Amino acid sequence: MARCYKFAIVRLAPDDARDERINIGAMIITQDGLDLRLPRRLDKIRAISSAVDTDMVRELVSNIKDIDERLKSSGMEVEARLDILSRVGPLSLSKIGTFSAQDMNAYEDRIATIMRSMVDPEPALLKQRAKRSKLLTQVKTIFRQEGVLAKRDEGIESHRIVPSYALDEGLVADLVLKNGCYHVVETVDASSDEDSLRKTIAGIGIAGLVLERARMKFGEQATRARLVYNASAALERIAKPSLDAVANQHAEIINWSSAEDRKNFIHSLSSLAIPSERKTGKKPTRFMGGTNGAFGFH
């Protein structure tokens, strides 16, 4: 049978005149007394005062338990004890909340949730870092010359190819074009002698994760995924199982070293995008596949 527990958030207000407070812990009322929980670190206190000693704060919180035990021994009821405990020096308590737990595992899970949502500092957002590689730079340069790469102030609704499109926190697609469906492109550049097998495999794995997230975001039927890779012949042979795994997730695999693959890829995306207007009135140049990484335009 589930047991009901009362709890309160322990707050610190170092200076009454400033009327600032911060949540530093949780207090759970059990049959055996108070269960006080503090985070491993109390660095967040520095946000409102650099003069507060964290060891002193921990001692103050532990005193709450000692005070409650003395009050309980004197026969005082819970409500009266809480009223006294809500004013212990610079410490105060929030309004009382309740939760239920079937067993100790559920009890610990609920406390962890309370600490995470009300006490622990919010985790920093993952920084979205645009990928930088020679391959991606080459691809974007061609699309820019074709007049189909979105400008800085243009979004997905421009129907041009948007670089560094954020799919989720920490997940950024190299290129995305919306036209009928979402064309999502990831690149893996392993053309340098410095690229190791481990780095290449990791790059393919991350690309597969990004493409899968795109399918979840836009819908399976509304997503056309492409993985463009450039690797030495030796790395390509070893990385083939990883490339096949991405292909099995309904992604088109483009070998940038192949003139035919490269030409078909550039042509297919360029023909789907709406070219930007040119001040000179000239039509955008059209890509002609080169060989061994060379490009030709007219």
C-alpha atoms as a PDB file:
ATOM      1  CA  MET A   1       0.000   0.000   0.000  1.00  0.00           C
ATOM      2  CA  ALA A   2       1.316   3.459  -0.916  1.00  0.00           C
ATOM      3  CA  ARG A   3       2.351   5.722   1.930  1.00  0.00           C
ATOM      4  CA  CYS A   4       1.756   9.483   1.898  1.00  0.00           C
ATOM      5  CA  TYR A   5       4.557  11.859   2.863  1.00  0.00           C
ATOM      6  CA  LYS A   6       4.617  15.584   3.555  1.00  0.00           C
ATOM      7  CA  PHE A   7       7.562  17.659   2.345  1.00  0.00           C
ATOM      8  CA  ALA A   8       8.757  21.240   2.139  1.00  0.00           C
ATOM      9  CA  ILE A   9      11.529  23.053   0.300  1.00  0.00           C
ATOM     10  CA  VAL A  10      14.215  24.547   2.515  1.00  0.00           C
ATOM     11  CA  ARG A  11      15.040  28.122   1.555  1.00  0.00           C
ATOM     12  CA  LEU A  12      17.895  30.417   2.478  1.00  0.00           C
ATOM     13  CA  ALA A  13      17.503  34.204   2.862  1.00  0.00           C
ATOM     14  CA  PRO A  14      20.893  35.560   3.965  1.00  0.00           C
ATOM     15  CA  ASP A  15      19.761  39.191   4.200  1.00  0.00           C
ATOM     16  CA  ASP A  16      16.199  40.145   5.162  1.00  0.00           C
ATOM     17  CA  ALA A  17      16.701  43.681   3.877  1.00  0.00           C
ATOM     18  CA  ARG A  18      17.358  42.425   0.335  1.00  0.00           C
ATOM     19  CA  ASP A  19      14.385  40.024   0.438  1.00  0.00           C
ATOM     20  CA  GLU A  20      16.269  37.454  -1.664  1.00  0.00           C
ATOM     21  CA  ARG A  21      15.975  33.718  -1.176  1.00  0.00           C
ATOM     22  CA  ILE A  22      17.146  30.554  -2.816  1.00  0.00           C
ATOM     23  CA  ASN A  23      16.033  26.913  -2.596  1.00  0.00           C
ATOM     24  CA  ILE A  24      18.799  24.860  -1.025  1.00  0.00           C
ATOM     25  CA  GLY A  25      17.208  21.558  -0.010  1.00  0.00           C
ATOM     26  CA  ALA A  26      14.161  19.426   0.699  1.00  0.00           C
ATOM     27  CA  MET A  27      12.682  18.315   4.022  1.00  0.00           C
ATOM     28  CA  ILE A  28      10.523  15.182   4.111  1.00  0.00           C
ATOM     29  CA  ILE A  29       8.449  14.350   7.197  1.00  0.00           C
ATOM     30  CA  THR A  30       8.531  10.629   7.968  1.00  0.00           C
ATOM     31  CA  GLN A  31       7.391   8.473  10.882  1.00  0.00           C
ATOM     32  CA  ASP A  32      11.011   8.321  12.066  1.00  0.00           C
ATOM     33  CA  GLY A  33      11.562  12.090  11.931  1.00  0.00           C
ATOM     34  CA  LEU A  34      12.844  14.479   9.290  1.00  0.00           C
ATOM     35  CA  ASP A  35      14.651  13.347   6.178  1.00  0.00           C
ATOM     36  CA  LEU A  36      16.706  16.347   5.044  1.00  0.00           C
ATOM     37  CA  ARG A  37      18.253  16.363   1.589  1.00  0.00           C
ATOM     38  CA  LEU A  38      20.818  18.817   0.256  1.00  0.00           C
ATOM     39  CA  PRO A  39      22.604  18.824  -3.097  1.00  0.00           C
ATOM     40  CA  ARG A  40      26.220  17.693  -3.141  1.00  0.00           C
ATOM     41  CA  ARG A  41      27.300  21.247  -3.869  1.00  0.00           C
ATOM     42  CA  LEU A  42      25.797  24.530  -2.736  1.00  0.00           C
ATOM     43  CA  ASP A  43      27.580  26.797  -5.194  1.00  0.00           C
ATOM     44  CA  LYS A  44      24.241  28.310  -6.227  1.00  0.00           C
ATOM     45  CA  ILE A  45      24.267  30.256  -2.946  1.00  0.00           C
ATOM     46  CA  ARG A  46      26.935  32.485  -4.493  1.00  0.00           C
ATOM     47  CA  ALA A  47      24.253  33.847  -6.797  1.00  0.00           C
ATOM     48  CA  ILE A  48      22.811  35.933  -3.954  1.00  0.00           C
ATOM     49  CA  SER A  49      25.752  36.243  -1.546  1.00  0.00           C
ATOM     50  CA  SER A  50      29.477  35.607  -1.670  1.00  0.00           C
ATOM     51  CA  ALA A  51      29.720  36.071   2.095  1.00  0.00           C
ATOM     52  CA  VAL A  52      27.760  32.952   3.043  1.00  0.00           C
ATOM     53  CA  ASP A  53      29.799  29.952   4.122  1.00  0.00           C
ATOM     54  CA  THR A  54      28.409  26.701   2.675  1.00  0.00           C
ATOM     55  CA  ASP A  55      29.600  24.631   5.667  1.00  0.00           C
ATOM     56  CA  MET A  56      27.663  26.965   7.955  1.00  0.00           C
ATOM     57  CA  VAL A  57      24.553  26.490   5.821  1.00  0.00           C
ATOM     58  CA  ARG A  58      24.855  22.701   6.054  1.00  0.00           C
ATOM     59  CA  GLU A  59      25.194  22.961   9.818  1.00  0.00           C
ATOM     60  CA  LEU A  60      22.113  25.172  10.031  1.00  0.00           C
ATOM     61  CA  VAL A  61      20.097  22.650   8.050  1.00  0.00           C
ATOM     62  CA  SER A  62      21.251  19.763  10.245  1.00  0.00           C
ATOM     63  CA  ASN A  63      20.139  21.788  13.287  1.00  0.00           C
ATOM     64  CA  ILE A  64      16.581  21.692  11.926  1.00  0.00           C
ATOM     65  CA  LYS A  65      16.520  17.945  12.500  1.00  0.00           C
ATOM     66  CA  ASP A  66      17.851  18.308  16.052  1.00  0.00           C
ATOM     67  CA  ILE A  67      15.258  20.977  16.866  1.00  0.00           C
ATOM     68  CA  ASP A  68      12.444  18.829  15.463  1.00  0.00           C
ATOM     69  CA  GLU A  69      13.524  15.819  17.530  1.00  0.00           C
ATOM     70  CA  ARG A  70      13.422  17.891  20.727  1.00  0.00           C
ATOM     71  CA  LEU A  71      10.019  19.345  19.850  1.00  0.00           C
ATOM     72  CA  LYS A  72       8.695  15.898  18.975  1.00  0.00           C
ATOM     73  CA  SER A  73       9.952  14.493  22.294  1.00  0.00           C
ATOM     74  CA  SER A  74       8.026  17.204  24.112  1.00  0.00           C
ATOM     75  CA  GLY A  75       4.795  15.924  22.538  1.00  0.00           C
ATOM     76  CA  MET A  76       4.307  18.763  20.055  1.00  0.00           C
ATOM     77  CA  GLU A  77       2.186  17.964  16.991  1.00  0.00           C
ATOM     78  CA  VAL A  78       3.550  18.128  13.453  1.00  0.00           C
ATOM     79  CA  GLU A  79       1.776  21.368  12.476  1.00  0.00           C
ATOM     80  CA  ALA A  80       3.108  23.230  15.498  1.00  0.00           C
ATOM     81  CA  ARG A  81       6.617  21.899  14.932  1.00  0.00           C
ATOM     82  CA  LEU A  82       6.560  22.967  11.291  1.00  0.00           C
ATOM     83  CA  ASP A  83       5.507  26.466  12.314  1.00  0.00           C
ATOM     84  CA  ILE A  84       8.618  26.750  14.500  1.00  0.00           C
ATOM     85  CA  LEU A  85      10.905  25.071  11.957  1.00  0.00           C
ATOM     86  CA  SER A  86       9.817  27.513   9.261  1.00  0.00           C
ATOM     87  CA  ARG A  87      11.776  30.241  11.070  1.00  0.00           C
ATOM     88  CA  VAL A  88      15.269  28.948  11.905  1.00  0.00           C
ATOM     89  CA  GLY A  89      17.647  31.881  11.472  1.00  0.00           C
ATOM     90  CA  PRO A  90      18.037  32.664   7.747  1.00  0.00           C
ATOM     91  CA  LEU A  91      16.238  29.435   6.808  1.00  0.00           C
ATOM     92  CA  SER A  92      12.569  29.135   5.954  1.00  0.00           C
ATOM     93  CA  LEU A  93      10.229  26.510   4.553  1.00  0.00           C
ATOM     94  CA  SER A  94       7.937  26.563   1.563  1.00  0.00           C
ATOM     95  CA  LYS A  95       4.291  25.562   1.749  1.00  0.00           C
ATOM     96  CA  ILE A  96       3.826  21.899   2.593  1.00  0.00           C
ATOM     97  CA  GLY A  97       3.397  19.511  -0.296  1.00  0.00           C
ATOM     98  CA  THR A  98       2.608  15.797  -0.379  1.00  0.00           C
ATOM     99  CA  PHE A  99       3.576  12.765  -2.415  1.00  0.00           C
ATOM    100  CA  SER A 100       2.908   9.036  -2.291  1.00  0.00           C
ATOM    101  CA  ALA A 101       5.352   6.172  -2.611  1.00  0.00           C
ATOM    102  CA  GLN A 102       4.732   2.438  -2.785  1.00  0.00           C
ATOM    103  CA  ASP A 103       8.183   1.431  -1.530  1.00  0.00           C
ATOM    104  CA  MET A 104      11.638   2.849  -0.810  1.00  0.00           C
ATOM    105  CA  ASN A 105      12.652   2.828  -4.456  1.00  0.00           C
ATOM    106  CA  ALA A 106       9.599   4.908  -5.354  1.00  0.00           C
ATOM    107  CA  TYR A 107      10.321   7.123  -2.335  1.00  0.00           C
ATOM    108  CA  GLU A 108      13.854   7.845  -3.527  1.00  0.00           C
ATOM    109  CA  ASP A 109      12.636   8.455  -7.078  1.00  0.00           C
ATOM    110  CA  ARG A 110      10.105  11.036  -5.884  1.00  0.00           C
ATOM    111  CA  ILE A 111      12.710  12.834  -3.790  1.00  0.00           C
ATOM    112  CA  ALA A 112      15.112  12.857  -6.732  1.00  0.00           C
ATOM    113  CA  THR A 113      12.383  14.426  -8.866  1.00  0.00           C
ATOM    114  CA  ILE A 114      11.685  17.079  -6.225  1.00  0.00           C
ATOM    115  CA  MET A 115      15.365  17.922  -5.927  1.00  0.00           C
ATOM    116  CA  ARG A 116      15.814  18.056  -9.685  1.00  0.00           C
ATOM    117  CA  SER A 117      12.787  20.285 -10.316  1.00  0.00           C
ATOM    118  CA  MET A 118      12.947  22.589  -7.280  1.00  0.00           C
ATOM    119  CA  VAL A 119      16.450  22.598  -5.820  1.00  0.00           C
ATOM    120  CA  ASP A 120      19.188  21.574  -8.234  1.00  0.00           C
ATOM    121  CA  PRO A 121      20.461  24.272 -10.621  1.00  0.00           C
ATOM    122  CA  GLU A 122      18.988  24.021 -14.102  1.00  0.00           C
ATOM    123  CA  PRO A 123      21.450  22.352 -16.470  1.00  0.00           C
ATOM    124  CA  ALA A 124      22.986  24.587 -19.093  1.00  0.00           C
ATOM    125  CA  LEU A 125      21.536  24.253 -22.562  1.00  0.00           C
ATOM    126  CA  LEU A 126      23.658  22.293 -24.952  1.00  0.00           C
ATOM    127  CA  LYS A 127      25.445  24.621 -27.277  1.00  0.00           C
ATOM    128  CA  GLN A 128      24.517  24.137 -30.868  1.00  0.00           C
ATOM    129  CA  ARG A 129      27.770  24.184 -32.745  1.00  0.00           C
ATOM    130  CA  ALA A 130      27.703  24.290 -36.498  1.00  0.00           C
ATOM    131  CA  LYS A 131      29.827  21.611 -38.095  1.00  0.00           C
ATOM    132  CA  ARG A 132      33.023  22.774 -39.765  1.00  0.00           C
ATOM    133  CA  SER A 133      34.616  20.602 -42.406  1.00  0.00           C
ATOM    134  CA  LYS A 134      36.155  20.987 -45.831  1.00  0.00           C
ATOM    135  CA  LEU A 135      33.401  18.855 -47.358  1.00  0.00           C
ATOM    136  CA  LEU A 136      30.541  20.881 -45.886  1.00  0.00           C
ATOM    137  CA  THR A 137      32.226  24.117 -46.938  1.00  0.00           C
ATOM    138  CA  GLN A 138      32.494  22.813 -50.500  1.00  0.00           C
ATOM    139  CA  VAL A 139      28.856  21.746 -50.575  1.00  0.00           C
ATOM    140  CA  LYS A 140      27.621  25.090 -49.239  1.00  0.00           C
ATOM    141  CA  THR A 141      29.836  26.999 -51.681  1.00  0.00           C
ATOM    142  CA  ILE A 142      28.299  25.171 -54.638  1.00  0.00           C
ATOM    143  CA  PHE A 143      24.735  25.764 -53.431  1.00  0.00           C
ATOM    144  CA  ARG A 144      25.563  29.423 -52.808  1.00  0.00           C
ATOM    145  CA  GLN A 145      26.870  29.764 -56.356  1.00  0.00           C
ATOM    146  CA  GLU A 146      23.733  28.037 -57.583  1.00  0.00           C
ATOM    147  CA  GLY A 147      21.736  30.726 -55.770  1.00  0.00           C
ATOM    148  CA  VAL A 148      19.803  28.211 -53.631  1.00  0.00           C
ATOM    149  CA  LEU A 149      21.575  28.557 -50.277  1.00  0.00           C
ATOM    150  CA  ALA A 150      19.458  30.495 -47.784  1.00  0.00           C
ATOM    151  CA  LYS A 151      20.812  33.799 -46.548  1.00  0.00           C
ATOM    152  CA  ARG A 152      21.334  34.527 -42.856  1.00  0.00           C
ATOM    153  CA  ASP A 153      17.908  36.120 -42.445  1.00  0.00           C
ATOM    154  CA  GLU A 154      16.060  33.391 -44.379  1.00  0.00           C
ATOM    155  CA  GLY A 155      14.406  30.441 -42.715  1.00  0.00           C
ATOM    156  CA  ILE A 156      13.002  27.120 -43.824  1.00  0.00           C
ATOM    157  CA  GLU A 157       9.941  28.776 -45.407  1.00  0.00           C
ATOM    158  CA  SER A 158      12.177  30.461 -47.993  1.00  0.00           C
ATOM    159  CA  HIS A 159      12.303  27.093 -49.800  1.00  0.00           C
ATOM    160  CA  ARG A 160      16.056  27.490 -50.058  1.00  0.00           C
ATOM    161  CA  ILE A 161      18.697  25.282 -48.469  1.00  0.00           C
ATOM    162  CA  VAL A 162      19.164  26.313 -44.835  1.00  0.00           C
ATOM    163  CA  PRO A 163      22.553  25.500 -43.264  1.00  0.00           C
ATOM    164  CA  SER A 164      22.927  24.527 -39.590  1.00  0.00           C
ATOM    165  CA  TYR A 165      19.225  23.881 -38.980  1.00  0.00           C
ATOM    166  CA  ALA A 166      18.465  23.158 -35.296  1.00  0.00           C
ATOM    167  CA  LEU A 167      16.342  20.035 -34.900  1.00  0.00           C
ATOM    168  CA  ASP A 168      16.609  19.769 -31.142  1.00  0.00           C
ATOM    169  CA  GLU A 169      18.881  20.902 -28.316  1.00  0.00           C
ATOM    170  CA  GLY A 170      22.376  19.889 -29.358  1.00  0.00           C
ATOM    171  CA  LEU A 171      21.257  18.325 -32.664  1.00  0.00           C
ATOM    172  CA  VAL A 172      21.875  20.423 -35.764  1.00  0.00           C
ATOM    173  CA  ALA A 173      21.351  19.237 -39.329  1.00  0.00           C
ATOM    174  CA  ASP A 174      23.993  20.395 -41.800  1.00  0.00           C
ATOM    175  CA  LEU A 175      21.465  21.354 -44.495  1.00  0.00           C
ATOM    176  CA  VAL A 176      17.661  21.337 -44.709  1.00  0.00           C
ATOM    177  CA  LEU A 177      15.415  22.228 -47.633  1.00  0.00           C
ATOM    178  CA  LYS A 178      11.635  22.339 -47.430  1.00  0.00           C
ATOM    179  CA  ASN A 179       9.887  21.755 -50.733  1.00  0.00           C
ATOM    180  CA  GLY A 180       7.054  19.249 -50.738  1.00  0.00           C
ATOM    181  CA  CYS A 181       8.903  17.401 -48.002  1.00  0.00           C
ATOM    182  CA  TYR A 182      11.913  18.085 -45.806  1.00  0.00           C
ATOM    183  CA  HIS A 183      15.214  17.270 -47.474  1.00  0.00           C
ATOM    184  CA  VAL A 184      17.748  16.775 -44.672  1.00  0.00           C
ATOM    185  CA  VAL A 185      21.443  16.455 -45.475  1.00  0.00           C
ATOM    186  CA  GLU A 186      24.253  15.345 -43.197  1.00  0.00           C
ATOM    187  CA  THR A 187      27.921  15.319 -44.212  1.00  0.00           C
ATOM    188  CA  VAL A 188      30.839  13.209 -43.003  1.00  0.00           C
ATOM    189  CA  ASP A 189      34.293  14.324 -44.107  1.00  0.00           C
ATOM    190  CA  ALA A 190      37.027  11.726 -43.679  1.00  0.00           C
ATOM    191  CA  SER A 191      39.257  12.829 -46.534  1.00  0.00           C
ATOM    192  CA  SER A 192      42.120  14.047 -44.370  1.00  0.00           C
ATOM    193  CA  ASP A 193      45.020  11.816 -43.400  1.00  0.00           C
ATOM    194  CA  GLU A 194      44.415  12.922 -39.817  1.00  0.00           C
ATOM    195  CA  ASP A 195      40.965  11.324 -39.743  1.00  0.00           C
ATOM    196  CA  SER A 196      40.975   8.073 -37.822  1.00  0.00           C
ATOM    197  CA  LEU A 197      38.597   5.161 -38.219  1.00  0.00           C
ATOM    198  CA  ARG A 198      37.090   5.878 -34.814  1.00  0.00           C
ATOM    199  CA  LYS A 199      36.384   9.502 -35.765  1.00  0.00           C
ATOM    200  CA  THR A 200      34.854   8.450 -39.054  1.00  0.00           C
ATOM    201  CA  ILE A 201      32.597   5.827 -37.477  1.00  0.00           C
ATOM    202  CA  ALA A 202      31.551   8.340 -34.802  1.00  0.00           C
ATOM    203  CA  GLY A 203      30.768  10.926 -37.470  1.00  0.00           C
ATOM    204  CA  ILE A 204      28.570   8.481 -39.368  1.00  0.00           C
ATOM    205  CA  GLY A 205      26.829   7.478 -36.152  1.00  0.00           C
ATOM    206  CA  ILE A 206      26.062  11.100 -35.236  1.00  0.00           C
ATOM    207  CA  ALA A 207      24.834  11.761 -38.774  1.00  0.00           C
ATOM    208  CA  GLY A 208      22.493   8.780 -38.477  1.00  0.00           C
ATOM    209  CA  LEU A 209      21.195  10.134 -35.154  1.00  0.00           C
ATOM    210  CA  VAL A 210      20.517  13.561 -36.686  1.00  0.00           C
ATOM    211  CA  LEU A 211      18.684  12.028 -39.650  1.00  0.00           C
ATOM    212  CA  GLU A 212      16.601   9.846 -37.348  1.00  0.00           C
ATOM    213  CA  ARG A 213      15.691  12.870 -35.224  1.00  0.00           C
ATOM    214  CA  ALA A 214      14.640  14.687 -38.398  1.00  0.00           C
ATOM    215  CA  ARG A 215      12.301  11.818 -39.267  1.00  0.00           C
ATOM    216  CA  MET A 216      10.793  12.001 -35.784  1.00  0.00           C
ATOM    217  CA  LYS A 217      10.374  15.773 -36.037  1.00  0.00           C
ATOM    218  CA  PHE A 218       9.021  16.051 -39.572  1.00  0.00           C
ATOM    219  CA  GLY A 219       7.459  12.606 -39.982  1.00  0.00           C
ATOM    220  CA  GLU A 220       8.692   9.486 -41.740  1.00  0.00           C
ATOM    221  CA  GLN A 221       6.820  10.165 -44.963  1.00  0.00           C
ATOM    222  CA  ALA A 222       7.697  13.879 -45.007  1.00  0.00           C
ATOM    223  CA  THR A 223      11.463  13.424 -44.654  1.00  0.00           C
ATOM    224  CA  ARG A 224      14.020  12.700 -47.365  1.00  0.00           C
ATOM    225  CA  ALA A 225      17.348  11.950 -45.684  1.00  0.00           C
ATOM    226  CA  ARG A 226      20.756  12.086 -47.366  1.00  0.00           C
ATOM    227  CA  LEU A 227      24.222  11.342 -46.063  1.00  0.00           C
ATOM    228  CA  VAL A 228      27.099  12.801 -48.090  1.00  0.00           C
ATOM    229  CA  TYR A 229      30.496  11.360 -47.251  1.00  0.00           C
ATOM    230  CA  ASN A 230      34.045  11.797 -48.443  1.00  0.00           C
ATOM    231  CA  ALA A 231      36.571   9.194 -47.345  1.00  0.00           C
ATOM    232  CA  SER A 232      39.717   7.514 -48.516  1.00  0.00           C
ATOM    233  CA  ALA A 233      39.249   4.146 -50.179  1.00  0.00           C
ATOM    234  CA  ALA A 234      40.673   2.345 -47.136  1.00  0.00           C
ATOM    235  CA  LEU A 235      38.390   4.139 -44.663  1.00  0.00           C
ATOM    236  CA  GLU A 236      35.395   3.689 -46.929  1.00  0.00           C
ATOM    237  CA  ARG A 237      35.843  -0.104 -46.978  1.00  0.00           C
ATOM    238  CA  ILE A 238      36.089  -0.285 -43.207  1.00  0.00           C
ATOM    239  CA  ALA A 239      33.236   2.164 -42.621  1.00  0.00           C
ATOM    240  CA  LYS A 240      30.902   0.418 -45.079  1.00  0.00           C
ATOM    241  CA  PRO A 241      28.893  -1.429 -42.367  1.00  0.00           C
ATOM    242  CA  SER A 242      28.177   1.912 -40.669  1.00  0.00           C
ATOM    243  CA  LEU A 243      27.171   3.499 -43.977  1.00  0.00           C
ATOM    244  CA  ASP A 244      24.936   0.506 -44.717  1.00  0.00           C
ATOM    245  CA  ALA A 245      23.281   0.934 -41.308  1.00  0.00           C
ATOM    246  CA  VAL A 246      22.357   4.525 -42.165  1.00  0.00           C
ATOM    247  CA  ALA A 247      21.143   3.423 -45.589  1.00  0.00           C
ATOM    248  CA  ASN A 248      18.917   0.830 -43.915  1.00  0.00           C
ATOM    249  CA  GLN A 249      17.246   3.748 -42.130  1.00  0.00           C
ATOM    250  CA  HIS A 250      15.993   4.924 -45.545  1.00  0.00           C
ATOM    251  CA  ALA A 251      18.755   7.476 -46.116  1.00  0.00           C
ATOM    252  CA  GLU A 252      20.340   8.048 -49.504  1.00  0.00           C
ATOM    253  CA  ILE A 253      24.126   7.651 -49.380  1.00  0.00           C
ATOM    254  CA  ILE A 254      26.163   9.965 -51.634  1.00  0.00           C
ATOM    255  CA  ASN A 255      29.852   9.369 -52.297  1.00  0.00           C
ATOM    256  CA  TRP A 256      31.307  12.852 -52.841  1.00  0.00           C
ATOM    257  CA  SER A 257      34.340  11.341 -54.548  1.00  0.00           C
ATOM    258  CA  SER A 258      32.076   9.981 -57.272  1.00  0.00           C
ATOM    259  CA  ALA A 259      31.535  12.584 -60.011  1.00  0.00           C
ATOM    260  CA  GLU A 260      28.171  11.043 -60.880  1.00  0.00           C
ATOM    261  CA  ASP A 261      26.962  10.915 -57.272  1.00  0.00           C
ATOM    262  CA  ARG A 262      28.113  14.463 -56.707  1.00  0.00           C
ATOM    263  CA  LYS A 263      26.467  15.814 -59.861  1.00  0.00           C
ATOM    264  CA  ASN A 264      23.157  14.048 -59.208  1.00  0.00           C
ATOM    265  CA  PHE A 265      23.071  15.241 -55.591  1.00  0.00           C
ATOM    266  CA  ILE A 266      23.736  18.892 -56.437  1.00  0.00           C
ATOM    267  CA  HIS A 267      21.290  18.850 -59.337  1.00  0.00           C
ATOM    268  CA  SER A 268      18.473  17.164 -57.395  1.00  0.00           C
ATOM    269  CA  LEU A 269      18.576  19.620 -54.467  1.00  0.00           C
ATOM    270  CA  SER A 270      19.188  22.686 -56.627  1.00  0.00           C
ATOM    271  CA  SER A 271      16.214  21.858 -58.839  1.00  0.00           C
ATOM    272  CA  LEU A 272      13.944  21.581 -55.781  1.00  0.00           C
ATOM    273  CA  ALA A 273      14.957  24.927 -54.259  1.00  0.00           C
ATOM    274  CA  ILE A 274      13.752  28.381 -55.258  1.00  0.00           C
ATOM    275  CA  PRO A 275      16.766  30.389 -56.518  1.00  0.00           C
ATOM    276  CA  SER A 276      17.309  33.772 -54.941  1.00  0.00           C
ATOM    277  CA  GLU A 277      17.008  36.841 -57.133  1.00  0.00           C
ATOM    278  CA  ARG A 278      20.265  38.234 -58.496  1.00  0.00           C
ATOM    279  CA  LYS A 279      20.828  41.983 -58.621  1.00  0.00           C
ATOM    280  CA  THR A 280      22.585  41.591 -61.975  1.00  0.00           C
ATOM    281  CA  GLY A 281      19.648  39.714 -63.419  1.00  0.00           C
ATOM    282  CA  LYS A 282      21.928  36.828 -64.398  1.00  0.00           C
ATOM    283  CA  LYS A 283      20.729  33.313 -63.929  1.00  0.00           C
ATOM    284  CA  PRO A 284      22.482  31.262 -61.246  1.00  0.00           C
ATOM    285  CA  THR A 285      25.370  29.181 -62.493  1.00  0.00           C
ATOM    286  CA  ARG A 286      24.688  25.496 -62.861  1.00  0.00           C
ATOM    287  CA  PHE A 287      26.897  22.799 -61.448  1.00  0.00           C
ATOM    288  CA  MET A 288      28.868  20.481 -63.719  1.00  0.00           C
ATOM    289  CA  GLY A 289      30.423  17.517 -62.010  1.00  0.00           C
ATOM    290  CA  GLY A 290      34.200  17.520 -61.859  1.00  0.00           C
ATOM    291  CA  THR A 291      36.549  14.721 -60.902  1.00  0.00           C
ATOM    292  CA  ASN A 292      38.645  14.042 -57.815  1.00  0.00           C
ATOM    293  CA  GLY A 293      37.000  16.849 -55.893  1.00  0.00           C
ATOM    294  CA  ALA A 294      37.257  19.462 -58.662  1.00  0.00           C
ATOM    295  CA  PHE A 295      34.243  21.561 -59.612  1.00  0.00           C
ATOM    296  CA  GLY A 296      33.134  23.203 -62.828  1.00  0.00           C
ATOM    297  CA  PHE A 297      30.477  25.856 -63.406  1.00  0.00           C
ATOM    298  CA  HIS A 298      28.998  27.707 -66.362  1.00  0.00           C
END
